[in-house]
Amino acid sequence: MTGLRKHLAASAAISGTMILSVFMGIQPAAAQTPSVCAPQDKLSAKLGSQYGEAISAEGVDGNGNLVQVYSSPDTGSWTIAVTLPGGPSCIVSSGEGWSDRQLADVPKPARRPDLAS
Protein backbone atom coordinates (compact mmCIF):
# COMPACT_ATOMS: atom_id res chain seq x y z
CA MET A 1 0.00 0.00 0.00
CA THR A 2 1.38 3.40 -0.91
CA GLY A 3 1.79 6.21 1.61
CA LEU A 4 -1.23 8.07 0.20
CA ARG A 5 -3.45 4.98 0.43
CA LYS A 6 -2.34 4.34 4.01
CA HIS A 7 -3.14 7.93 4.90
CA LEU A 8 -6.59 7.74 3.26
CA ALA A 9 -7.36 4.44 5.01
CA ALA A 10 -6.36 5.85 8.37
CA SER A 11 -8.41 9.00 7.77
CA ALA A 12 -11.45 6.92 6.82
CA ALA A 13 -11.10 4.80 9.95
CA ILE A 14 -10.81 7.85 12.20
CA SER A 15 -13.77 9.55 10.51
CA GLY A 16 -15.87 6.42 10.83
CA THR A 17 -15.05 6.11 14.52
CA MET A 18 -15.95 9.76 15.14
CA ILE A 19 -19.26 9.44 13.29
CA LEU A 20 -20.11 6.25 15.17
CA SER A 21 -19.29 7.90 18.51
CA VAL A 22 -21.62 10.81 17.72
CA PHE A 23 -24.49 8.41 17.02
CA MET A 24 -23.74 6.45 20.19
CA GLY A 25 -23.64 9.62 22.32
CA ILE A 26 -19.96 9.33 23.18
CA GLN A 27 -18.16 12.64 23.54
CA PRO A 28 -14.47 13.05 22.84
CA ALA A 29 -12.40 13.50 25.98
CA ALA A 30 -11.51 17.05 24.98
CA ALA A 31 -15.21 18.01 24.97
CA GLN A 32 -15.88 16.66 28.44
CA THR A 33 -15.78 18.94 31.47
CA PRO A 34 -12.50 18.39 33.29
CA SER A 35 -12.61 17.33 36.94
CA VAL A 36 -11.53 19.73 39.64
CA CYS A 37 -8.74 18.06 41.61
CA ALA A 38 -6.64 19.29 44.51
CA PRO A 39 -5.02 17.96 47.67
CA GLN A 40 -7.80 16.79 50.01
CA ASP A 41 -7.13 19.43 52.68
CA LYS A 42 -7.22 22.28 50.14
CA LEU A 43 -10.38 20.98 48.47
CA SER A 44 -12.08 20.60 51.86
CA ALA A 45 -11.08 24.14 52.87
CA LYS A 46 -12.30 25.61 49.56
CA LEU A 47 -15.67 23.85 49.77
CA GLY A 48 -16.03 25.09 53.35
CA SER A 49 -15.13 28.70 52.66
CA GLN A 50 -16.88 29.08 49.31
CA TYR A 51 -20.02 26.96 49.82
CA GLY A 52 -20.25 26.38 53.57
CA GLU A 53 -19.95 22.63 52.98
CA ALA A 54 -18.41 20.16 55.41
CA ILE A 55 -17.98 16.39 55.26
CA SER A 56 -21.31 14.75 56.10
CA ALA A 57 -20.55 11.19 54.99
CA GLU A 58 -17.58 9.17 53.80
CA GLY A 59 -16.54 5.64 52.98
CA VAL A 60 -14.00 3.59 51.07
CA ASP A 61 -15.06 2.03 47.77
CA GLY A 62 -14.01 -1.34 46.37
CA ASN A 63 -10.96 0.20 44.67
CA GLY A 64 -9.60 1.69 47.90
CA ASN A 65 -10.67 5.25 47.01
CA LEU A 66 -12.01 7.51 49.75
CA VAL A 67 -15.47 8.80 48.74
CA GLN A 68 -16.63 11.88 50.64
CA VAL A 69 -19.91 13.77 50.62
CA TYR A 70 -19.67 17.44 51.55
CA SER A 71 -22.94 19.22 52.27
CA SER A 72 -24.30 22.45 53.69
CA PRO A 73 -27.31 22.22 56.01
CA ASP A 74 -27.94 25.94 55.43
CA THR A 75 -28.10 25.95 51.62
CA GLY A 76 -28.65 22.28 50.75
CA SER A 77 -25.69 22.32 48.36
CA TRP A 78 -23.57 19.16 48.13
CA THR A 79 -20.38 17.89 46.53
CA ILE A 80 -19.08 14.35 46.11
CA ALA A 81 -15.31 13.96 45.93
CA VAL A 82 -13.15 10.89 45.43
CA THR A 83 -9.62 10.71 46.80
CA LEU A 84 -7.30 8.21 45.16
CA PRO A 85 -4.86 6.35 47.43
CA GLY A 86 -1.86 8.66 47.74
CA GLY A 87 -3.37 11.03 45.21
CA PRO A 88 -5.52 14.10 44.84
CA SER A 89 -9.20 14.55 45.66
CA CYS A 90 -11.39 15.10 42.62
CA ILE A 91 -14.94 16.40 42.49
CA VAL A 92 -17.13 13.90 40.67
CA SER A 93 -20.55 15.49 41.22
CA SER A 94 -22.28 18.40 42.92
CA GLY A 95 -25.75 19.84 43.21
CA GLU A 96 -28.49 21.24 45.37
CA GLY A 97 -31.23 19.90 47.61
CA TRP A 98 -29.19 17.58 49.83
CA SER A 99 -31.13 16.02 52.69
CA ASP A 100 -29.55 14.39 55.74
CA ARG A 101 -32.77 12.69 56.83
CA GLN A 102 -32.40 9.15 58.05
CA LEU A 103 -34.20 6.48 56.10
CA ALA A 104 -34.80 4.13 59.03
CA ASP A 105 -37.64 2.30 57.28
CA VAL A 106 -35.56 1.45 54.22
CA PRO A 107 -34.39 -2.17 54.49
CA LYS A 108 -30.70 -2.81 54.22
CA PRO A 109 -29.67 -4.80 51.15
CA ALA A 110 -29.02 -8.48 51.75
CA ARG A 111 -25.40 -9.58 51.57
CA ARG A 112 -24.55 -11.43 48.42
CA PRO A 113 -23.33 -14.94 49.28
CA ASP A 114 -20.38 -14.59 46.89
CA LEU A 115 -19.18 -11.47 48.80
CA ALA A 116 -19.68 -12.81 52.33
CA SER A 117 -16.46 -13.38 54.20
C-alpha atoms as a PDB file:
ATOM      1  CA  MET A   1       0.000   0.000   0.000  1.00  0.00           C
ATOM      2  CA  THR A   2       1.376   3.405  -0.908  1.00  0.00           C
ATOM      3  CA  GLY A   3       1.789   6.206   1.607  1.00  0.00           C
ATOM      4  CA  LEU A   4      -1.228   8.069   0.202  1.00  0.00           C
ATOM      5  CA  ARG A   5      -3.445   4.981   0.433  1.00  0.00           C
ATOM      6  CA  LYS A   6      -2.339   4.337   4.014  1.00  0.00           C
ATOM      7  CA  HIS A   7      -3.140   7.935   4.895  1.00  0.00           C
ATOM      8  CA  LEU A   8      -6.587   7.735   3.264  1.00  0.00           C
ATOM      9  CA  ALA A   9      -7.359   4.436   5.005  1.00  0.00           C
ATOM     10  CA  ALA A  10      -6.356   5.848   8.374  1.00  0.00           C
ATOM     11  CA  SER A  11      -8.413   9.000   7.769  1.00  0.00           C
ATOM     12  CA  ALA A  12     -11.446   6.925   6.821  1.00  0.00           C
ATOM     13  CA  ALA A  13     -11.095   4.796   9.955  1.00  0.00           C
ATOM     14  CA  ILE A  14     -10.814   7.850  12.198  1.00  0.00           C
ATOM     15  CA  SER A  15     -13.774   9.551  10.506  1.00  0.00           C
ATOM     16  CA  GLY A  16     -15.871   6.415  10.830  1.00  0.00           C
ATOM     17  CA  THR A  17     -15.050   6.114  14.516  1.00  0.00           C
ATOM     18  CA  MET A  18     -15.950   9.758  15.142  1.00  0.00           C
ATOM     19  CA  ILE A  19     -19.263   9.442  13.287  1.00  0.00           C
ATOM     20  CA  LEU A  20     -20.108   6.254  15.172  1.00  0.00           C
ATOM     21  CA  SER A  21     -19.290   7.896  18.506  1.00  0.00           C
ATOM     22  CA  VAL A  22     -21.624  10.809  17.724  1.00  0.00           C
ATOM     23  CA  PHE A  23     -24.494   8.407  17.017  1.00  0.00           C
ATOM     24  CA  MET A  24     -23.743   6.452  20.185  1.00  0.00           C
ATOM     25  CA  GLY A  25     -23.638   9.618  22.316  1.00  0.00           C
ATOM     26  CA  ILE A  26     -19.956   9.333  23.179  1.00  0.00           C
ATOM     27  CA  GLN A  27     -18.160  12.637  23.539  1.00  0.00           C
ATOM     28  CA  PRO A  28     -14.470  13.054  22.835  1.00  0.00           C
ATOM     29  CA  ALA A  29     -12.395  13.500  25.977  1.00  0.00           C
ATOM     30  CA  ALA A  30     -11.514  17.054  24.976  1.00  0.00           C
ATOM     31  CA  ALA A  31     -15.212  18.010  24.966  1.00  0.00           C
ATOM     32  CA  GLN A  32     -15.880  16.662  28.445  1.00  0.00           C
ATOM     33  CA  THR A  33     -15.777  18.940  31.471  1.00  0.00           C
ATOM     34  CA  PRO A  34     -12.503  18.391  33.291  1.00  0.00           C
ATOM     35  CA  SER A  35     -12.614  17.334  36.936  1.00  0.00           C
ATOM     36  CA  VAL A  36     -11.526  19.727  39.640  1.00  0.00           C
ATOM     37  CA  CYS A  37      -8.742  18.057  41.608  1.00  0.00           C
ATOM     38  CA  ALA A  38      -6.644  19.290  44.513  1.00  0.00           C
ATOM     39  CA  PRO A  39      -5.016  17.957  47.668  1.00  0.00           C
ATOM     40  CA  GLN A  40      -7.797  16.789  50.013  1.00  0.00           C
ATOM     41  CA  ASP A  41      -7.134  19.431  52.681  1.00  0.00           C
ATOM     42  CA  LYS A  42      -7.217  22.277  50.135  1.00  0.00           C
ATOM     43  CA  LEU A  43     -10.380  20.975  48.467  1.00  0.00           C
ATOM     44  CA  SER A  44     -12.084  20.605  51.859  1.00  0.00           C
ATOM     45  CA  ALA A  45     -11.078  24.143  52.872  1.00  0.00           C
ATOM     46  CA  LYS A  46     -12.304  25.608  49.559  1.00  0.00           C
ATOM     47  CA  LEU A  47     -15.672  23.849  49.773  1.00  0.00           C
ATOM     48  CA  GLY A  48     -16.029  25.088  53.348  1.00  0.00           C
ATOM     49  CA  SER A  49     -15.126  28.702  52.665  1.00  0.00           C
ATOM     50  CA  GLN A  50     -16.884  29.081  49.313  1.00  0.00           C
ATOM     51  CA  TYR A  51     -20.017  26.962  49.817  1.00  0.00           C
ATOM     52  CA  GLY A  52     -20.251  26.381  53.572  1.00  0.00           C
ATOM     53  CA  GLU A  53     -19.953  22.635  52.977  1.00  0.00           C
ATOM     54  CA  ALA A  54     -18.415  20.160  55.409  1.00  0.00           C
ATOM     55  CA  ILE A  55     -17.977  16.386  55.255  1.00  0.00           C
ATOM     56  CA  SER A  56     -21.308  14.755  56.101  1.00  0.00           C
ATOM     57  CA  ALA A  57     -20.555  11.191  54.986  1.00  0.00           C
ATOM     58  CA  GLU A  58     -17.584   9.171  53.803  1.00  0.00           C
ATOM     59  CA  GLY A  59     -16.540   5.643  52.981  1.00  0.00           C
ATOM     60  CA  VAL A  60     -14.000   3.588  51.071  1.00  0.00           C
ATOM     61  CA  ASP A  61     -15.063   2.029  47.774  1.00  0.00           C
ATOM     62  CA  GLY A  62     -14.007  -1.341  46.368  1.00  0.00           C
ATOM     63  CA  ASN A  63     -10.963   0.196  44.673  1.00  0.00           C
ATOM     64  CA  GLY A  64      -9.596   1.694  47.898  1.00  0.00           C
ATOM     65  CA  ASN A  65     -10.670   5.247  47.014  1.00  0.00           C
ATOM     66  CA  LEU A  66     -12.015   7.506  49.749  1.00  0.00           C
ATOM     67  CA  VAL A  67     -15.465   8.800  48.743  1.00  0.00           C
ATOM     68  CA  GLN A  68     -16.635  11.884  50.645  1.00  0.00           C
ATOM     69  CA  VAL A  69     -19.907  13.772  50.616  1.00  0.00           C
ATOM     70  CA  TYR A  70     -19.672  17.437  51.549  1.00  0.00           C
ATOM     71  CA  SER A  71     -22.939  19.224  52.267  1.00  0.00           C
ATOM     72  CA  SER A  72     -24.296  22.446  53.690  1.00  0.00           C
ATOM     73  CA  PRO A  73     -27.309  22.224  56.010  1.00  0.00           C
ATOM     74  CA  ASP A  74     -27.940  25.935  55.428  1.00  0.00           C
ATOM     75  CA  THR A  75     -28.095  25.952  51.616  1.00  0.00           C
ATOM     76  CA  GLY A  76     -28.651  22.277  50.746  1.00  0.00           C
ATOM     77  CA  SER A  77     -25.686  22.320  48.356  1.00  0.00           C
ATOM     78  CA  TRP A  78     -23.573  19.164  48.134  1.00  0.00           C
ATOM     79  CA  THR A  79     -20.383  17.889  46.534  1.00  0.00           C
ATOM     80  CA  ILE A  80     -19.079  14.350  46.113  1.00  0.00           C
ATOM     81  CA  ALA A  81     -15.307  13.964  45.932  1.00  0.00           C
ATOM     82  CA  VAL A  82     -13.151  10.889  45.430  1.00  0.00           C
ATOM     83  CA  THR A  83      -9.621  10.708  46.801  1.00  0.00           C
ATOM     84  CA  LEU A  84      -7.297   8.206  45.162  1.00  0.00           C
ATOM     85  CA  PRO A  85      -4.862   6.345  47.430  1.00  0.00           C
ATOM     86  CA  GLY A  86      -1.860   8.659  47.738  1.00  0.00           C
ATOM     87  CA  GLY A  87      -3.372  11.031  45.209  1.00  0.00           C
ATOM     88  CA  PRO A  88      -5.521  14.097  44.842  1.00  0.00           C
ATOM     89  CA  SER A  89      -9.202  14.550  45.663  1.00  0.00           C
ATOM     90  CA  CYS A  90     -11.388  15.098  42.618  1.00  0.00           C
ATOM     91  CA  ILE A  91     -14.945  16.404  42.493  1.00  0.00           C
ATOM     92  CA  VAL A  92     -17.133  13.897  40.668  1.00  0.00           C
ATOM     93  CA  SER A  93     -20.553  15.488  41.216  1.00  0.00           C
ATOM     94  CA  SER A  94     -22.279  18.404  42.917  1.00  0.00           C
ATOM     95  CA  GLY A  95     -25.745  19.840  43.209  1.00  0.00           C
ATOM     96  CA  GLU A  96     -28.491  21.240  45.375  1.00  0.00           C
ATOM     97  CA  GLY A  97     -31.233  19.901  47.606  1.00  0.00           C
ATOM     98  CA  TRP A  98     -29.193  17.580  49.829  1.00  0.00           C
ATOM     99  CA  SER A  99     -31.132  16.021  52.689  1.00  0.00           C
ATOM    100  CA  ASP A 100     -29.554  14.388  55.738  1.00  0.00           C
ATOM    101  CA  ARG A 101     -32.769  12.689  56.830  1.00  0.00           C
ATOM    102  CA  GLN A 102     -32.397   9.153  58.050  1.00  0.00           C
ATOM    103  CA  LEU A 103     -34.204   6.480  56.095  1.00  0.00           C
ATOM    104  CA  ALA A 104     -34.797   4.133  59.029  1.00  0.00           C
ATOM    105  CA  ASP A 105     -37.641   2.299  57.276  1.00  0.00           C
ATOM    106  CA  VAL A 106     -35.562   1.446  54.218  1.00  0.00           C
ATOM    107  CA  PRO A 107     -34.390  -2.173  54.489  1.00  0.00           C
ATOM    108  CA  LYS A 108     -30.698  -2.815  54.218  1.00  0.00           C
ATOM    109  CA  PRO A 109     -29.671  -4.798  51.147  1.00  0.00           C
ATOM    110  CA  ALA A 110     -29.018  -8.476  51.748  1.00  0.00           C
ATOM    111  CA  ARG A 111     -25.397  -9.581  51.569  1.00  0.00           C
ATOM    112  CA  ARG A 112     -24.547 -11.428  48.423  1.00  0.00           C
ATOM    113  CA  PRO A 113     -23.327 -14.940  49.278  1.00  0.00           C
ATOM    114  CA  ASP A 114     -20.380 -14.587  46.891  1.00  0.00           C
ATOM    115  CA  LEU A 115     -19.184 -11.472  48.802  1.00  0.00           C
ATOM    116  CA  ALA A 116     -19.680 -12.810  52.330  1.00  0.00           C
ATOM    117  CA  SER A 117     -16.460 -13.380  54.204  1.00  0.00           C
END
